[in-house]
Amino acid sequence: MAKQFTLGKNERLKSRKQIEQLFSEGKNISVFPFRIYFLLYPFTIHNSLKESLRTQFAIQFGVGVSGKNFKKAVDRNRIKRLIREAYRLQKGPLQNQVAANNQQLNLFFVYASKEMPDHKFIYDKMTVALQKTSSEIEKQPAK
């Protein structure tokens, strides 16, 4: 059985080239307190991959917090941890939707509020954000 609630190395958006492409060519939506950037494209990794691996590689995810709003790195890192944890627990339906359409998704969350959130607030807002992202992806054809 596959590990359902993980956020592994392959699922993180780390490539500078992909991040720049995401911000320049991708679409964005706002769900307070997040600004969500996403770029959908056809699945290009080997077609012979098992279905579970295809689902695992369907989404690459990144998160950022403004240094202008939060001066201390400790605060920025805490917010990023909360966002990654909320995403990790709720990514399943979006991941399955993208994999079922044989697509890949680059997804980047920017935290835009000036207040320090708690876990429940981030978790609830992540639910709304992922639902809105899912509905936007249904409207989008892959590039």
C-alpha atoms as a PDB file:
ATOM      1  CA  MET A   1       0.000   0.000   0.000  1.00  0.00           C
ATOM      2  CA  ALA A   2       1.319   3.439  -0.952  1.00  0.00           C
ATOM      3  CA  LYS A   3       2.099   6.029   1.674  1.00  0.00           C
ATOM      4  CA  GLN A   4      -0.913   8.284   1.423  1.00  0.00           C
ATOM      5  CA  PHE A   5       0.004  11.189   3.700  1.00  0.00           C
ATOM      6  CA  THR A   6       3.580  11.998   2.778  1.00  0.00           C
ATOM      7  CA  LEU A   7       5.253  14.984   1.180  1.00  0.00           C
ATOM      8  CA  GLY A   8       8.432  13.531  -0.221  1.00  0.00           C
ATOM      9  CA  LYS A   9      11.366  14.991  -2.033  1.00  0.00           C
ATOM     10  CA  ASN A  10       9.861  14.254  -5.461  1.00  0.00           C
ATOM     11  CA  GLU A  11       6.722  16.194  -4.590  1.00  0.00           C
ATOM     12  CA  ARG A  12       8.524  19.428  -3.721  1.00  0.00           C
ATOM     13  CA  LEU A  13       8.950  22.185  -6.247  1.00  0.00           C
ATOM     14  CA  LYS A  14      12.655  23.019  -6.062  1.00  0.00           C
ATOM     15  CA  SER A  15      13.788  23.778  -9.608  1.00  0.00           C
ATOM     16  CA  ARG A  16      14.446  27.489 -10.118  1.00  0.00           C
ATOM     17  CA  LYS A  17      13.570  27.107 -13.805  1.00  0.00           C
ATOM     18  CA  GLN A  18      10.187  25.531 -13.002  1.00  0.00           C
ATOM     19  CA  ILE A  19       9.415  28.168 -10.356  1.00  0.00           C
ATOM     20  CA  GLU A  20      10.245  31.021 -12.753  1.00  0.00           C
ATOM     21  CA  GLN A  21       8.101  29.389 -15.443  1.00  0.00           C
ATOM     22  CA  LEU A  22       5.272  28.977 -12.943  1.00  0.00           C
ATOM     23  CA  PHE A  23       5.297  32.665 -11.990  1.00  0.00           C
ATOM     24  CA  SER A  24       5.650  33.907 -15.578  1.00  0.00           C
ATOM     25  CA  GLU A  25       3.309  31.542 -17.464  1.00  0.00           C
ATOM     26  CA  GLY A  26       1.057  30.092 -14.776  1.00  0.00           C
ATOM     27  CA  LYS A  27      -2.362  31.192 -13.619  1.00  0.00           C
ATOM     28  CA  ASN A  28      -3.062  32.513 -10.159  1.00  0.00           C
ATOM     29  CA  ILE A  29      -6.020  32.678  -7.829  1.00  0.00           C
ATOM     30  CA  SER A  30      -6.550  34.234  -4.422  1.00  0.00           C
ATOM     31  CA  VAL A  31      -8.089  32.541  -1.433  1.00  0.00           C
ATOM     32  CA  PHE A  32      -7.383  34.599   1.673  1.00  0.00           C
ATOM     33  CA  PRO A  33      -4.706  34.317   3.092  1.00  0.00           C
ATOM     34  CA  PHE A  34      -3.129  32.548   0.093  1.00  0.00           C
ATOM     35  CA  ARG A  35      -2.143  33.582  -3.395  1.00  0.00           C
ATOM     36  CA  ILE A  36      -1.994  30.345  -5.375  1.00  0.00           C
ATOM     37  CA  TYR A  37       0.035  29.992  -8.567  1.00  0.00           C
ATOM     38  CA  PHE A  38      -0.452  26.905 -10.722  1.00  0.00           C
ATOM     39  CA  LEU A  39       0.694  25.592 -14.068  1.00  0.00           C
ATOM     40  CA  LEU A  40      -0.825  22.501 -15.643  1.00  0.00           C
ATOM     41  CA  TYR A  41       0.922  20.519 -18.366  1.00  0.00           C
ATOM     42  CA  PRO A  42       0.782  17.004 -19.877  1.00  0.00           C
ATOM     43  CA  PHE A  43       2.457  14.173 -18.016  1.00  0.00           C
ATOM     44  CA  THR A  44       5.923  13.699 -19.540  1.00  0.00           C
ATOM     45  CA  ILE A  45       7.697  11.200 -17.276  1.00  0.00           C
ATOM     46  CA  HIS A  46       7.847   7.629 -18.571  1.00  0.00           C
ATOM     47  CA  ASN A  47       4.480   6.208 -19.586  1.00  0.00           C
ATOM     48  CA  SER A  48       5.487   2.841 -18.157  1.00  0.00           C
ATOM     49  CA  LEU A  49       5.325   4.105 -14.588  1.00  0.00           C
ATOM     50  CA  LYS A  50       2.913   2.331 -12.324  1.00  0.00           C
ATOM     51  CA  GLU A  51      -0.324   4.146 -11.572  1.00  0.00           C
ATOM     52  CA  SER A  52       0.693   4.729  -7.937  1.00  0.00           C
ATOM     53  CA  LEU A  53       3.925   6.389  -9.030  1.00  0.00           C
ATOM     54  CA  ARG A  54       2.093   8.486 -11.612  1.00  0.00           C
ATOM     55  CA  THR A  55      -0.194   9.741  -8.847  1.00  0.00           C
ATOM     56  CA  GLN A  56       2.823  10.450  -6.657  1.00  0.00           C
ATOM     57  CA  PHE A  57       4.523  12.562  -9.351  1.00  0.00           C
ATOM     58  CA  ALA A  58       1.336  14.365 -10.413  1.00  0.00           C
ATOM     59  CA  ILE A  59       1.868  17.494  -8.301  1.00  0.00           C
ATOM     60  CA  GLN A  60       4.953  19.422  -7.311  1.00  0.00           C
ATOM     61  CA  PHE A  61       4.289  21.815  -4.459  1.00  0.00           C
ATOM     62  CA  GLY A  62       6.066  24.858  -3.044  1.00  0.00           C
ATOM     63  CA  VAL A  63       5.332  27.467  -0.418  1.00  0.00           C
ATOM     64  CA  GLY A  64       6.585  30.964   0.379  1.00  0.00           C
ATOM     65  CA  VAL A  65       6.085  33.609   3.058  1.00  0.00           C
ATOM     66  CA  SER A  66       6.979  37.261   2.629  1.00  0.00           C
ATOM     67  CA  GLY A  67       9.968  38.573   4.555  1.00  0.00           C
ATOM     68  CA  LYS A  68       8.343  41.994   4.398  1.00  0.00           C
ATOM     69  CA  ASN A  69       5.394  40.852   6.523  1.00  0.00           C
ATOM     70  CA  PHE A  70       7.361  38.553   8.834  1.00  0.00           C
ATOM     71  CA  LYS A  71      10.827  39.840   9.673  1.00  0.00           C
ATOM     72  CA  LYS A  72      11.910  36.856  11.740  1.00  0.00           C
ATOM     73  CA  ALA A  73      12.880  33.672   9.908  1.00  0.00           C
ATOM     74  CA  VAL A  74      11.448  31.678  12.825  1.00  0.00           C
ATOM     75  CA  ASP A  75       7.976  33.064  12.079  1.00  0.00           C
ATOM     76  CA  ARG A  76       8.274  32.513   8.314  1.00  0.00           C
ATOM     77  CA  ASN A  77       9.452  28.932   8.820  1.00  0.00           C
ATOM     78  CA  ARG A  78       6.601  28.177  11.237  1.00  0.00           C
ATOM     79  CA  ILE A  79       4.011  29.420   8.736  1.00  0.00           C
ATOM     80  CA  LYS A  80       5.610  27.355   5.962  1.00  0.00           C
ATOM     81  CA  ARG A  81       5.538  24.249   8.175  1.00  0.00           C
ATOM     82  CA  LEU A  82       1.848  24.799   8.943  1.00  0.00           C
ATOM     83  CA  ILE A  83       1.008  25.240   5.252  1.00  0.00           C
ATOM     84  CA  ARG A  84       2.988  22.156   4.192  1.00  0.00           C
ATOM     85  CA  GLU A  85       1.315  20.070   6.904  1.00  0.00           C
ATOM     86  CA  ALA A  86      -2.193  21.209   5.919  1.00  0.00           C
ATOM     87  CA  TYR A  87      -1.414  20.505   2.251  1.00  0.00           C
ATOM     88  CA  ARG A  88       0.097  17.093   3.043  1.00  0.00           C
ATOM     89  CA  LEU A  89      -3.063  15.973   4.820  1.00  0.00           C
ATOM     90  CA  GLN A  90      -5.479  17.223   2.138  1.00  0.00           C
ATOM     91  CA  LYS A  91      -3.691  16.764  -1.188  1.00  0.00           C
ATOM     92  CA  GLY A  92      -5.237  13.386  -2.081  1.00  0.00           C
ATOM     93  CA  PRO A  93      -8.324  14.422  -4.087  1.00  0.00           C
ATOM     94  CA  LEU A  94      -6.440  17.041  -6.108  1.00  0.00           C
ATOM     95  CA  GLN A  95      -3.586  14.622  -6.752  1.00  0.00           C
ATOM     96  CA  ASN A  96      -5.994  11.945  -7.985  1.00  0.00           C
ATOM     97  CA  GLN A  97      -7.820  14.432 -10.224  1.00  0.00           C
ATOM     98  CA  VAL A  98      -4.585  15.554 -11.899  1.00  0.00           C
ATOM     99  CA  ALA A  99      -3.258  11.995 -12.281  1.00  0.00           C
ATOM    100  CA  ALA A 100      -6.562  10.732 -13.717  1.00  0.00           C
ATOM    101  CA  ASN A 101      -6.304  13.314 -16.510  1.00  0.00           C
ATOM    102  CA  ASN A 102      -2.693  12.250 -17.198  1.00  0.00           C
ATOM    103  CA  GLN A 103      -1.390  15.701 -16.294  1.00  0.00           C
ATOM    104  CA  GLN A 104       1.191  17.266 -14.047  1.00  0.00           C
ATOM    105  CA  LEU A 105       0.693  20.325 -11.873  1.00  0.00           C
ATOM    106  CA  ASN A 106       3.153  22.797 -10.410  1.00  0.00           C
ATOM    107  CA  LEU A 107       1.545  24.482  -7.418  1.00  0.00           C
ATOM    108  CA  PHE A 108       2.928  27.317  -5.290  1.00  0.00           C
ATOM    109  CA  PHE A 109       1.257  28.884  -2.247  1.00  0.00           C
ATOM    110  CA  VAL A 110       2.255  32.365  -1.099  1.00  0.00           C
ATOM    111  CA  TYR A 111       1.041  33.373   2.354  1.00  0.00           C
ATOM    112  CA  ALA A 112      -0.198  36.977   2.034  1.00  0.00           C
ATOM    113  CA  SER A 113      -1.615  37.850   5.453  1.00  0.00           C
ATOM    114  CA  LYS A 114       0.231  39.895   8.072  1.00  0.00           C
ATOM    115  CA  GLU A 115      -1.006  37.937  11.084  1.00  0.00           C
ATOM    116  CA  MET A 116       0.529  34.808  12.558  1.00  0.00           C
ATOM    117  CA  PRO A 117      -1.957  31.962  11.924  1.00  0.00           C
ATOM    118  CA  ASP A 118      -2.731  28.908  14.001  1.00  0.00           C
ATOM    119  CA  HIS A 119      -3.019  25.343  12.718  1.00  0.00           C
ATOM    120  CA  LYS A 120      -6.831  25.243  12.529  1.00  0.00           C
ATOM    121  CA  PHE A 121      -7.027  28.483  10.516  1.00  0.00           C
ATOM    122  CA  ILE A 122      -4.467  27.254   7.960  1.00  0.00           C
ATOM    123  CA  TYR A 123      -6.084  23.816   7.736  1.00  0.00           C
ATOM    124  CA  ASP A 124      -9.559  25.290   7.077  1.00  0.00           C
ATOM    125  CA  LYS A 125      -8.280  27.775   4.508  1.00  0.00           C
ATOM    126  CA  MET A 126      -6.242  25.071   2.775  1.00  0.00           C
ATOM    127  CA  THR A 127      -9.436  23.052   2.313  1.00  0.00           C
ATOM    128  CA  VAL A 128     -11.095  25.989   0.556  1.00  0.00           C
ATOM    129  CA  ALA A 129      -7.961  26.773  -1.464  1.00  0.00           C
ATOM    130  CA  LEU A 130      -7.564  23.213  -2.754  1.00  0.00           C
ATOM    131  CA  GLN A 131     -11.245  23.020  -3.710  1.00  0.00           C
ATOM    132  CA  LYS A 132     -11.004  26.279  -5.640  1.00  0.00           C
ATOM    133  CA  THR A 133      -7.777  25.148  -7.299  1.00  0.00           C
ATOM    134  CA  SER A 134      -9.455  21.884  -8.270  1.00  0.00           C
ATOM    135  CA  SER A 135     -12.374  23.706  -9.904  1.00  0.00           C
ATOM    136  CA  GLU A 136      -9.967  26.032 -11.762  1.00  0.00           C
ATOM    137  CA  ILE A 137      -7.976  23.055 -13.037  1.00  0.00           C
ATOM    138  CA  GLU A 138     -11.140  21.475 -14.451  1.00  0.00           C
ATOM    139  CA  LYS A 139     -11.578  24.588 -16.589  1.00  0.00           C
ATOM    140  CA  GLN A 140      -7.958  24.526 -17.817  1.00  0.00           C
ATOM    141  CA  PRO A 141      -6.639  22.491 -20.734  1.00  0.00           C
ATOM    142  CA  ALA A 142      -3.095  21.206 -20.280  1.00  0.00           C
ATOM    143  CA  LYS A 143      -0.393  23.047 -22.217  1.00  0.00           C
END
